[in-house]
Amino acid sequence: MKNICLYFQVHQPFRLKRYRFFEIGSDHYYYDDYTNESILRKVAEKSYLPANKLILDLIDKYKGQFKVSFSFSGMILEQFKLYGEDVLESFKQLASSDSVEILAESYAHSLAFFKSRDEFVRQVKMHEKLVKELFGVKPEVFRNTELIYSDDIGNDVAKMGYKAMLTEGAKHILGWKSPNHLYCNAINPKLKVLVRNFKLSDDIAFRFSDESWNEWPLTAEKFVSWIDNIPENEEVVNIFMDYETFGEHQWKETGIFSFLEKLPAIIQEKKGISFSTPSDIIRDKQVIAPIHVPNPISWADEEKDLTAWLGNELQEEAYNKLYSIEDMVMKINRDDIKRDWLNLQTSDHFYYMCTKFFSDGEVHSYFSPFDSPYDAFINYMNILSDFILRVKANLAPESEDSTELNLRISKQEKEIEKLKNQIERLKKSEQAKVKPGRKPATGTGSRAPISKKAATKTKTTSRKKKPASSKIPATKAKTTSRKKK
């Protein structure tokens, strides 16, 4: 029995507004709300809502014979709350079905793993919590940002309790092996690994509407025939793609919705082929071998590596600068700082800085809102510079207050000690003036009574001295006081 695993990624970043150098330090809001809302609503109307309705109808029609799986970044779920409650409700309806599986991923759709395992784990836990809150499920299968995977990542994911993980069926990793098998992690065999059949997936995601393609037009019948011709011992066919394929990347006019609608009917006619979720596959199928991935792979570009996000000096500079302040950010308990920290980690920002050319460059340009990778870099670094200033400012007051307080306490202690010494000296001096056995005169402290003539002279002297203490006019005194302040 061949099992088709249909998986869809659902993600939109919080796009950054145009942020100029002279705004650093004065403007602390970084997002293009209008663009974020308009794109979310456009994609919802063209893709999410009609695709959700179609899939829900197919699930009802085929009574558990049609199954799909989804993963949602924390960014898209937040945008659904802001701009698309109707979309979120439609996904909740899908999630309530036994024919739909929700997968886990990093909250910010980030590349955190390569800089901070702690941040990676924090984001996965955040995502778990949000998925549980919105959909009432705890995912058992993990899908990393852009299908990024390595032996180390898989091992860490297994330690977090996940049973399986999705990744790309990269040629340089599989070699002669087929992607149409269930594999396991090379370090921790408990973690099952489902690898993407990139040819069949890209036939739908990228080539479906390409009239220059020798297989155009792609029909459901033709696609199923290709799956049917796969050797019988290759039992798992993983079709992974962006959910926006339906209606956004491939417009309705291309026939993409009709293709999806007909697919389960054609599958049902073929004996020996069925739809399964990742959890179905890891439960029902046997692992044939470990998959060795010493260096990270992804589903992006020809190289299937990290160069789409970390392939040039611009990207490395921005990436390293961002994570250099992690320790400072973690010390600050402010929602706006935490929110911006997450949003700035989203991998899309680094993707826009990619300087690749030819076919990969065209794909990057299609998704980027910037005129060039350099514009994307400058804009991001301006925002990051302001964010770093905010982070330091939120730490500095606490540090400065503490330092100033300690200095004040130290100065006060020294002053107190100085006054104590003066008092002791005065006491000794006064005691020395009083002869042993003789009491001081009453009413004058330690002084002896003075004569009337002396008293008159003392009063006169006192009156003469008084003006000396008020020589500075009030106006001038105030001015001097302000200067001192």
Protein backbone atom coordinates (compact mmCIF):
# COMPACT_ATOMS: atom_id res chain seq x y z
CA MET A 1 0.00 0.00 0.00
CA LYS A 2 1.40 3.39 -1.02
CA ASN A 3 0.63 6.22 1.36
CA ILE A 4 0.44 9.81 0.13
CA CYS A 5 1.29 12.31 2.85
CA LEU A 6 0.02 15.79 1.96
CA TYR A 7 1.58 18.46 4.15
CA PHE A 8 1.05 22.24 3.86
CA GLN A 9 3.11 25.02 5.44
CA VAL A 10 1.12 28.11 6.46
CA HIS A 11 3.25 31.18 7.17
CA GLN A 12 3.35 34.93 6.65
CA PRO A 13 5.97 37.18 8.26
CA PHE A 14 5.32 40.48 9.95
CA ARG A 15 6.77 42.67 7.20
CA LEU A 16 8.93 45.58 8.27
CA LYS A 17 8.18 49.12 7.19
CA ARG A 18 10.70 51.34 5.40
CA TYR A 19 12.85 52.56 8.25
CA ARG A 20 15.44 55.28 7.58
CA PHE A 21 18.68 55.97 9.40
CA PHE A 22 17.57 59.26 10.98
CA GLU A 23 14.58 57.48 12.57
CA ILE A 24 16.89 55.45 14.81
CA GLY A 25 16.29 56.44 18.40
CA SER A 26 12.97 58.18 17.74
CA ASP A 27 10.66 55.65 16.08
CA HIS A 28 10.30 52.32 17.87
CA TYR A 29 7.50 50.79 15.80
CA TYR A 30 8.86 48.67 12.96
CA TYR A 31 5.92 47.11 11.12
CA ASP A 32 4.05 47.89 7.95
CA ASP A 33 0.56 47.25 9.30
CA TYR A 34 -1.20 48.21 6.10
CA THR A 35 0.86 45.82 3.99
CA ASN A 36 0.58 43.01 6.53
CA GLU A 37 -3.17 43.31 6.73
CA SER A 38 -3.73 43.75 2.99
CA ILE A 39 -1.53 40.77 2.08
CA LEU A 40 -3.13 38.59 4.74
CA ARG A 41 -6.60 39.45 3.50
CA LYS A 42 -5.64 39.01 -0.15
CA VAL A 43 -4.10 35.58 0.47
CA ALA A 44 -7.05 34.62 2.69
CA GLU A 45 -9.57 35.42 -0.05
CA LYS A 46 -7.56 33.85 -2.86
CA SER A 47 -6.08 30.88 -1.03
CA TYR A 48 -6.81 30.07 2.61
CA LEU A 49 -10.59 30.38 2.70
CA PRO A 50 -11.43 28.63 -0.61
CA ALA A 51 -8.80 25.92 -0.03
CA ASN A 52 -10.05 25.30 3.51
CA LYS A 53 -13.62 25.01 2.29
CA LEU A 54 -12.61 22.60 -0.45
CA ILE A 55 -10.56 20.39 1.87
CA LEU A 56 -13.33 20.34 4.47
CA ASP A 57 -15.81 19.29 1.76
CA LEU A 58 -13.43 16.55 0.57
CA ILE A 59 -13.00 15.25 4.12
CA ASP A 60 -16.77 15.08 4.55
CA LYS A 61 -17.24 13.49 1.14
CA TYR A 62 -14.64 10.75 1.48
CA LYS A 63 -15.30 9.90 5.12
CA GLY A 64 -11.75 9.71 6.42
CA GLN A 65 -10.18 8.56 3.15
CA PHE A 66 -8.75 12.02 2.42
CA LYS A 67 -6.18 13.29 4.92
CA VAL A 68 -3.87 16.31 5.14
CA SER A 69 -1.50 17.90 7.64
CA PHE A 70 -0.63 21.53 8.40
CA SER A 71 1.91 23.54 10.35
CA PHE A 72 1.38 27.19 11.29
CA SER A 73 4.08 29.61 12.32
CA GLY A 74 3.36 31.71 15.38
CA MET A 75 3.57 34.76 13.11
CA ILE A 76 0.67 33.68 10.91
CA LEU A 77 -1.45 32.69 13.90
CA GLU A 78 -0.91 36.14 15.40
CA GLN A 79 -1.94 37.74 12.11
CA PHE A 80 -5.07 35.59 11.98
CA LYS A 81 -5.98 37.01 15.39
CA LEU A 82 -5.37 40.56 14.16
CA TYR A 83 -6.75 40.47 10.62
CA GLY A 84 -8.36 37.11 9.95
CA GLU A 85 -10.59 35.68 12.66
CA ASP A 86 -12.72 34.11 9.91
CA VAL A 87 -9.64 32.33 8.54
CA LEU A 88 -8.66 31.10 11.98
CA GLU A 89 -12.15 29.72 12.52
CA SER A 90 -12.01 27.83 9.23
CA PHE A 91 -8.67 26.27 10.22
CA LYS A 92 -10.13 25.34 13.60
CA GLN A 93 -12.91 23.48 11.79
CA LEU A 94 -10.30 21.55 9.83
CA ALA A 95 -8.23 20.83 12.94
CA SER A 96 -11.26 19.33 14.69
CA SER A 97 -11.38 16.59 12.06
CA ASP A 98 -9.61 13.26 12.57
CA SER A 99 -8.39 13.59 9.00
CA VAL A 100 -6.20 16.62 9.77
CA GLU A 101 -2.96 16.63 11.76
CA ILE A 102 -1.36 19.80 13.13
CA LEU A 103 2.44 19.83 13.33
CA ALA A 104 4.81 21.76 15.58
CA GLU A 105 7.52 24.21 14.56
CA SER A 106 9.50 27.17 15.91
CA TYR A 107 7.21 30.04 16.90
CA ALA A 108 9.02 32.79 14.99
CA HIS A 109 9.78 30.68 11.90
CA SER A 110 13.38 31.36 12.87
CA LEU A 111 16.93 30.09 12.47
CA ALA A 112 17.49 30.18 16.22
CA PHE A 113 18.86 26.64 16.50
CA PHE A 114 22.23 27.56 15.00
CA LYS A 115 22.87 30.37 17.48
CA SER A 116 20.94 29.44 20.60
CA ARG A 117 19.54 26.06 21.57
CA ASP A 118 17.83 27.75 24.51
CA GLU A 119 16.00 30.19 22.24
CA PHE A 120 15.05 27.35 19.89
CA VAL A 121 13.51 25.36 22.76
CA ARG A 122 11.72 28.48 24.08
CA GLN A 123 10.11 29.06 20.70
CA VAL A 124 9.04 25.44 20.28
CA LYS A 125 7.42 25.50 23.72
CA MET A 126 5.69 28.80 22.88
CA HIS A 127 4.38 27.25 19.68
CA GLU A 128 3.14 24.16 21.50
CA LYS A 129 1.24 26.34 23.93
CA LEU A 130 -0.40 28.44 21.21
CA VAL A 131 -1.40 25.40 19.12
CA LYS A 132 -2.93 23.81 22.20
CA GLU A 133 -4.80 27.01 22.99
CA LEU A 134 -6.18 27.52 19.47
CA PHE A 135 -6.67 23.97 18.18
CA GLY A 136 -6.85 21.86 21.33
CA VAL A 137 -4.07 19.47 20.28
CA LYS A 138 -0.47 18.78 21.28
CA PRO A 139 1.61 18.03 18.17
CA GLU A 140 3.69 14.85 18.06
CA VAL A 141 5.45 15.55 14.76
CA PHE A 142 7.86 18.43 14.23
CA ARG A 143 8.48 20.51 11.14
CA ASN A 144 11.38 22.94 11.40
CA THR A 145 11.58 26.30 9.62
CA GLU A 146 11.85 25.68 5.85
CA LEU A 147 12.27 21.92 6.51
CA ILE A 148 15.76 22.63 7.91
CA TYR A 149 17.20 19.44 9.37
CA SER A 150 20.44 17.87 10.52
CA ASP A 151 21.41 14.97 12.74
CA ASP A 152 21.92 17.36 15.67
CA ILE A 153 18.61 19.14 15.15
CA GLY A 154 16.77 15.84 14.93
CA ASN A 155 18.44 14.60 18.09
CA ASP A 156 17.37 17.72 20.01
CA VAL A 157 13.83 17.46 18.65
CA ALA A 158 13.68 13.83 19.79
CA LYS A 159 14.80 14.88 23.28
CA MET A 160 11.89 17.31 23.35
CA GLY A 161 9.51 14.38 22.99
CA TYR A 162 8.59 14.48 19.31
CA LYS A 163 8.16 11.19 17.47
CA ALA A 164 8.94 12.30 13.94
CA MET A 165 10.27 15.17 11.85
CA LEU A 166 9.89 16.32 8.25
CA THR A 167 12.73 17.32 5.94
CA GLU A 168 13.82 17.61 2.31
CA GLY A 169 14.76 14.63 0.15
CA ALA A 170 17.98 16.33 -0.96
CA LYS A 171 19.93 14.45 -3.64
CA HIS A 172 23.30 14.99 -2.01
CA ILE A 173 21.98 13.35 1.15
CA LEU A 174 19.95 10.48 -0.27
CA GLY A 175 22.31 9.61 -3.11
CA TRP A 176 20.91 6.47 -4.71
CA LYS A 177 18.24 6.08 -2.00
CA SER A 178 14.61 6.90 -2.67
CA PRO A 179 12.71 9.57 -0.75
CA ASN A 180 9.72 7.22 -0.72
CA HIS A 181 10.66 5.42 2.50
CA LEU A 182 10.48 6.08 6.22
CA TYR A 183 13.88 6.86 7.75
CA CYS A 184 15.15 7.61 11.27
CA ASN A 185 17.60 10.01 12.89
CA ALA A 186 21.22 8.85 12.75
CA ILE A 187 21.93 9.85 16.37
CA ASN A 188 18.59 9.03 17.99
CA PRO A 189 16.73 6.28 16.04
CA LYS A 190 13.58 6.93 18.09
CA LEU A 191 12.92 9.95 15.88
CA LYS A 192 11.37 8.95 12.55
CA VAL A 193 12.18 11.10 9.51
CA LEU A 194 9.83 11.72 6.58
CA VAL A 195 11.62 13.11 3.52
CA ARG A 196 9.99 15.20 0.83
CA ASN A 197 9.65 13.90 -2.73
CA PHE A 198 10.80 17.23 -4.17
CA LYS A 199 10.08 16.32 -7.80
CA LEU A 200 6.42 15.46 -7.31
CA SER A 201 5.97 18.30 -4.80
CA ASP A 202 7.48 20.91 -7.12
CA ASP A 203 5.44 19.61 -10.07
CA ILE A 204 2.45 21.07 -8.24
CA ALA A 205 4.04 23.97 -6.33
CA PHE A 206 6.21 25.46 -9.11
CA ARG A 207 5.56 23.86 -12.49
CA PHE A 208 1.79 23.48 -12.45
CA SER A 209 1.09 26.60 -14.55
CA ASP A 210 4.33 26.61 -16.56
CA GLU A 211 3.20 26.21 -20.17
CA SER A 212 6.81 25.65 -21.31
CA TRP A 213 7.01 22.53 -19.12
CA ASN A 214 6.87 19.38 -21.23
CA GLU A 215 4.31 17.84 -18.86
CA TRP A 216 1.95 20.79 -18.94
CA PRO A 217 -0.98 20.67 -18.32
CA LEU A 218 -0.76 18.60 -15.16
CA THR A 219 -3.97 16.71 -14.47
CA ALA A 220 -4.96 14.69 -11.42
CA GLU A 221 -5.02 11.56 -13.59
CA LYS A 222 -1.46 12.11 -14.82
CA PHE A 223 -0.16 12.89 -11.33
CA VAL A 224 -1.71 9.77 -9.80
CA SER A 225 -0.32 7.66 -12.64
CA TRP A 226 3.19 8.83 -11.72
CA ILE A 227 2.60 7.75 -8.12
CA ASP A 228 1.13 4.45 -9.28
CA ASN A 229 4.31 3.74 -11.29
CA ILE A 230 6.57 4.11 -8.25
CA PRO A 231 8.00 0.70 -7.26
CA GLU A 232 5.77 -1.22 -4.88
CA ASN A 233 8.37 -1.39 -2.11
CA GLU A 234 8.47 2.42 -1.97
CA GLU A 235 5.49 2.92 0.27
CA VAL A 236 5.62 6.57 1.36
CA VAL A 237 5.14 9.50 -1.03
CA ASN A 238 5.60 12.79 0.82
CA ILE A 239 4.10 15.79 -0.98
CA PHE A 240 5.12 18.90 1.00
CA MET A 241 4.46 22.49 -0.15
CA ASP A 242 3.38 26.00 0.82
CA TYR A 243 -0.37 26.19 1.34
CA GLU A 244 -0.37 29.40 -0.72
CA THR A 245 0.27 27.16 -3.74
CA PHE A 246 -3.50 26.92 -3.97
CA GLY A 247 -4.86 30.23 -5.23
CA GLU A 248 -1.88 32.51 -4.61
CA HIS A 249 1.26 31.02 -6.21
CA GLN A 250 -0.93 29.11 -8.63
CA TRP A 251 -4.03 31.17 -9.34
CA LYS A 252 -7.50 29.72 -9.46
CA GLU A 253 -7.51 30.28 -13.24
CA THR A 254 -4.70 27.71 -13.65
CA GLY A 255 -7.06 24.96 -12.52
CA ILE A 256 -5.21 24.28 -9.27
CA PHE A 257 -8.39 23.93 -7.18
CA SER A 258 -9.93 21.57 -9.72
CA PHE A 259 -6.74 19.51 -9.56
CA LEU A 260 -7.00 19.22 -5.78
CA GLU A 261 -10.71 18.44 -5.92
CA LYS A 262 -10.22 15.57 -8.38
CA LEU A 263 -7.17 14.08 -6.67
CA PRO A 264 -8.94 11.99 -3.97
CA ALA A 265 -11.46 10.66 -6.49
CA ILE A 266 -8.68 9.42 -8.79
CA ILE A 267 -6.80 7.97 -5.81
CA GLN A 268 -9.89 6.11 -4.66
CA GLU A 269 -10.16 4.46 -8.10
CA LYS A 270 -6.60 3.16 -7.76
CA LYS A 271 -6.22 0.21 -5.46
CA GLY A 272 -3.14 0.25 -3.28
CA ILE A 273 -2.91 4.03 -2.78
CA SER A 274 -4.30 6.02 0.14
CA PHE A 275 -3.83 9.29 2.02
CA SER A 276 -2.13 9.32 5.42
CA THR A 277 -0.96 11.83 8.00
CA PRO A 278 2.62 11.76 9.32
CA SER A 279 1.42 10.08 12.53
CA ASP A 280 -0.33 7.39 10.48
CA ILE A 281 2.88 6.68 8.60
CA ILE A 282 5.17 6.44 11.61
CA ARG A 283 2.65 4.11 13.24
CA ASP A 284 2.05 1.83 10.25
CA LYS A 285 5.36 1.81 8.34
CA GLN A 286 8.77 0.38 9.16
CA VAL A 287 11.98 2.38 9.15
CA ILE A 288 14.33 1.09 6.46
CA ALA A 289 17.52 2.91 7.53
CA PRO A 290 18.92 5.96 9.35
CA ILE A 291 19.42 9.08 7.26
CA HIS A 292 22.80 10.73 7.79
CA VAL A 293 22.69 14.54 7.63
CA PRO A 294 25.87 15.93 9.23
CA ASN A 295 25.32 19.40 7.72
CA PRO A 296 21.95 21.19 7.70
CA ILE A 297 19.65 20.83 4.70
CA SER A 298 16.48 22.68 3.72
CA TRP A 299 13.91 22.72 0.92
CA ALA A 300 15.14 26.05 -0.50
CA ASP A 301 16.91 26.65 -3.81
CA GLU A 302 19.08 24.29 -5.82
CA GLU A 303 21.61 23.80 -3.03
CA LYS A 304 19.03 22.63 -0.46
CA ASP A 305 21.12 24.15 2.33
CA LEU A 306 21.16 27.35 4.42
CA THR A 307 22.53 29.70 1.76
CA ALA A 308 19.09 31.16 1.07
CA TRP A 309 19.32 32.81 4.52
CA LEU A 310 22.99 32.69 5.56
CA GLY A 311 24.87 32.66 2.29
CA ASN A 312 26.53 36.07 2.14
CA GLU A 313 28.19 38.67 4.37
CA LEU A 314 25.08 40.82 4.62
CA GLN A 315 23.04 37.96 6.02
CA GLU A 316 25.80 36.83 8.38
CA GLU A 317 26.28 40.36 9.71
CA ALA A 318 22.58 40.84 10.42
CA TYR A 319 22.16 37.36 11.87
CA ASN A 320 25.17 37.57 14.18
CA LYS A 321 24.30 41.09 15.32
CA LEU A 322 20.77 40.03 16.24
CA TYR A 323 21.77 37.07 18.38
CA SER A 324 24.63 38.96 20.04
CA ILE A 325 22.04 40.70 22.25
CA GLU A 326 20.09 37.60 23.29
CA ASP A 327 21.40 37.61 26.87
CA MET A 328 20.40 41.25 27.31
CA VAL A 329 16.93 40.66 25.86
CA MET A 330 16.33 37.74 28.23
CA LYS A 331 16.92 40.04 31.22
CA ILE A 332 14.13 42.41 30.17
CA ASN A 333 10.56 41.66 31.15
CA ARG A 334 8.69 43.82 28.66
CA ASP A 335 6.14 42.53 26.16
CA ASP A 336 7.11 44.97 23.40
CA ILE A 337 10.78 43.97 23.61
CA LYS A 338 9.94 40.26 23.57
CA ARG A 339 7.56 40.73 20.63
CA ASP A 340 10.12 42.60 18.54
CA TRP A 341 12.82 40.08 19.47
CA LEU A 342 10.68 37.28 18.04
CA ASN A 343 9.61 39.15 14.93
CA LEU A 344 13.16 40.18 14.04
CA GLN A 345 14.20 36.52 14.12
CA THR A 346 11.82 35.51 11.35
CA SER A 347 13.84 33.87 8.57
CA ASP A 348 12.12 35.87 5.81
CA HIS A 349 14.11 39.00 6.72
CA PHE A 350 17.36 37.20 5.94
CA TYR A 351 15.86 35.58 2.85
CA TYR A 352 15.26 39.04 1.36
CA MET A 353 19.01 39.75 1.68
CA CYS A 354 19.98 36.82 -0.54
CA THR A 355 22.20 37.82 -3.50
CA LYS A 356 21.72 34.71 -5.62
CA PHE A 357 21.04 35.09 -9.33
CA PHE A 358 19.43 33.09 -12.13
CA SER A 359 16.36 30.98 -11.26
CA ASP A 360 16.88 31.06 -7.49
CA GLY A 361 17.31 34.83 -7.61
CA GLU A 362 13.99 35.18 -9.40
CA VAL A 363 12.24 33.23 -6.65
CA HIS A 364 13.81 35.41 -3.95
CA SER A 365 12.79 38.57 -5.82
CA TYR A 366 9.22 37.29 -6.13
CA PHE A 367 8.84 37.03 -2.37
CA SER A 368 10.83 40.12 -1.38
CA PRO A 369 9.12 43.49 -0.79
CA PHE A 370 12.47 45.29 -1.32
CA ASP A 371 14.04 46.53 -4.54
CA SER A 372 17.32 44.76 -3.81
CA PRO A 373 19.03 42.59 -1.17
CA TYR A 374 21.04 45.65 -0.14
CA ASP A 375 17.89 47.66 0.53
CA ALA A 376 16.59 44.78 2.65
CA PHE A 377 19.87 44.67 4.61
CA ILE A 378 20.04 48.43 5.24
CA ASN A 379 16.40 48.57 6.32
CA TYR A 380 16.81 45.63 8.68
CA MET A 381 20.03 46.98 10.20
CA ASN A 382 18.46 50.39 10.82
CA ILE A 383 15.65 48.71 12.72
CA LEU A 384 18.04 46.40 14.55
CA SER A 385 20.14 49.40 15.59
CA ASP A 386 17.11 51.06 17.14
CA PHE A 387 16.09 47.80 18.82
CA ILE A 388 19.56 47.41 20.33
CA LEU A 389 19.37 50.98 21.70
CA ARG A 390 16.03 50.15 23.31
CA VAL A 391 17.39 46.95 24.81
CA LYS A 392 20.38 48.76 26.30
CA ALA A 393 18.20 51.60 27.53
CA ASN A 394 15.96 49.15 29.36
CA LEU A 395 18.98 47.65 31.09
CA ALA A 396 20.88 50.90 31.74
CA PRO A 397 18.45 52.59 34.16
CA GLU A 398 18.53 49.61 36.47
CA SER A 399 22.30 49.44 36.29
CA GLU A 400 22.81 53.21 36.64
CA ASP A 401 20.37 53.50 39.51
CA SER A 402 22.15 50.72 41.32
CA THR A 403 25.57 52.29 40.73
CA GLU A 404 24.40 55.76 41.75
CA LEU A 405 22.75 54.40 44.87
CA ASN A 406 25.90 52.57 45.88
CA LEU A 407 27.97 55.73 45.35
CA ARG A 408 25.54 57.80 47.39
CA ILE A 409 25.57 55.27 50.20
CA SER A 410 29.35 55.17 50.15
CA LYS A 411 29.60 58.98 50.24
CA GLN A 412 27.04 59.19 53.05
CA GLU A 413 28.94 56.61 55.07
CA LYS A 414 32.17 58.58 54.64
CA GLU A 415 30.38 61.82 55.58
CA ILE A 416 28.86 60.21 58.64
CA GLU A 417 32.25 58.89 59.68
CA LYS A 418 33.80 62.34 59.16
CA LEU A 419 31.09 64.00 61.28
CA LYS A 420 31.55 61.41 64.02
CA ASN A 421 35.26 62.20 64.15
CA GLN A 422 34.55 65.94 64.32
CA ILE A 423 32.08 65.40 67.16
CA GLU A 424 34.59 63.31 69.04
CA ARG A 425 37.26 66.00 68.62
CA LEU A 426 34.84 68.70 69.81
CA LYS A 427 33.88 66.62 72.83
CA LYS A 428 37.50 66.13 73.76
CA SER A 429 38.22 69.82 73.22
CA GLU A 430 35.33 70.90 75.44
CA GLN A 431 36.18 68.38 78.10
CA ALA A 432 39.74 69.70 78.18
CA LYS A 433 38.46 73.27 78.97
CA VAL A 434 36.57 72.10 82.04
CA LYS A 435 38.91 71.70 85.05
CA PRO A 436 38.50 68.55 87.11
CA GLY A 437 36.02 68.96 89.97
CA ARG A 438 34.55 72.25 88.61
CA LYS A 439 31.05 72.32 87.20
CA PRO A 440 30.19 74.46 84.17
CA ALA A 441 28.25 77.72 84.79
CA THR A 442 24.51 77.28 84.52
CA GLY A 443 22.54 78.73 81.59
CA THR A 444 25.52 79.31 79.30
CA GLY A 445 26.56 75.89 78.38
CA SER A 446 30.30 75.63 78.83
CA ARG A 447 30.84 79.38 78.83
CA ALA A 448 31.44 81.57 81.88
CA PRO A 449 29.09 84.56 82.48
CA ILE A 450 30.00 87.70 80.60
CA SER A 451 29.86 91.27 81.77
CA LYS A 452 27.33 93.85 80.50
CA LYS A 453 30.04 95.76 78.69
CA ALA A 454 31.24 92.61 77.00
CA ALA A 455 27.68 91.68 76.11
CA THR A 456 27.10 95.08 74.47
CA LYS A 457 30.30 94.75 72.52
CA THR A 458 29.33 91.26 71.43
CA LYS A 459 25.91 92.43 70.20
CA THR A 460 27.48 95.27 68.21
CA THR A 461 29.96 92.97 66.62
CA SER A 462 27.16 90.57 65.83
CA ARG A 463 25.12 93.33 64.08
CA LYS A 464 28.10 94.33 61.98
CA LYS A 465 28.67 90.80 60.83
CA LYS A 466 25.09 90.14 59.75
CA PRO A 467 25.16 92.08 56.44
CA ALA A 468 28.20 90.10 55.37
CA SER A 469 26.06 86.98 55.19
CA SER A 470 23.58 88.60 52.78
CA LYS A 471 25.84 90.41 50.34
CA ILE A 472 24.64 88.34 47.32
CA PRO A 473 21.34 89.74 45.93
CA ALA A 474 18.44 87.34 45.77
CA THR A 475 18.40 87.37 41.94
CA LYS A 476 22.08 86.62 41.70
CA ALA A 477 21.76 83.94 44.35
CA LYS A 478 19.08 82.16 42.32
CA THR A 479 21.20 82.35 39.19
CA THR A 480 24.12 80.83 41.01
CA SER A 481 21.84 78.09 42.32
CA ARG A 482 20.64 77.23 38.78
CA LYS A 483 24.23 77.01 37.55
CA LYS A 484 25.08 74.62 40.32
CA LYS A 485 22.14 72.41 39.43
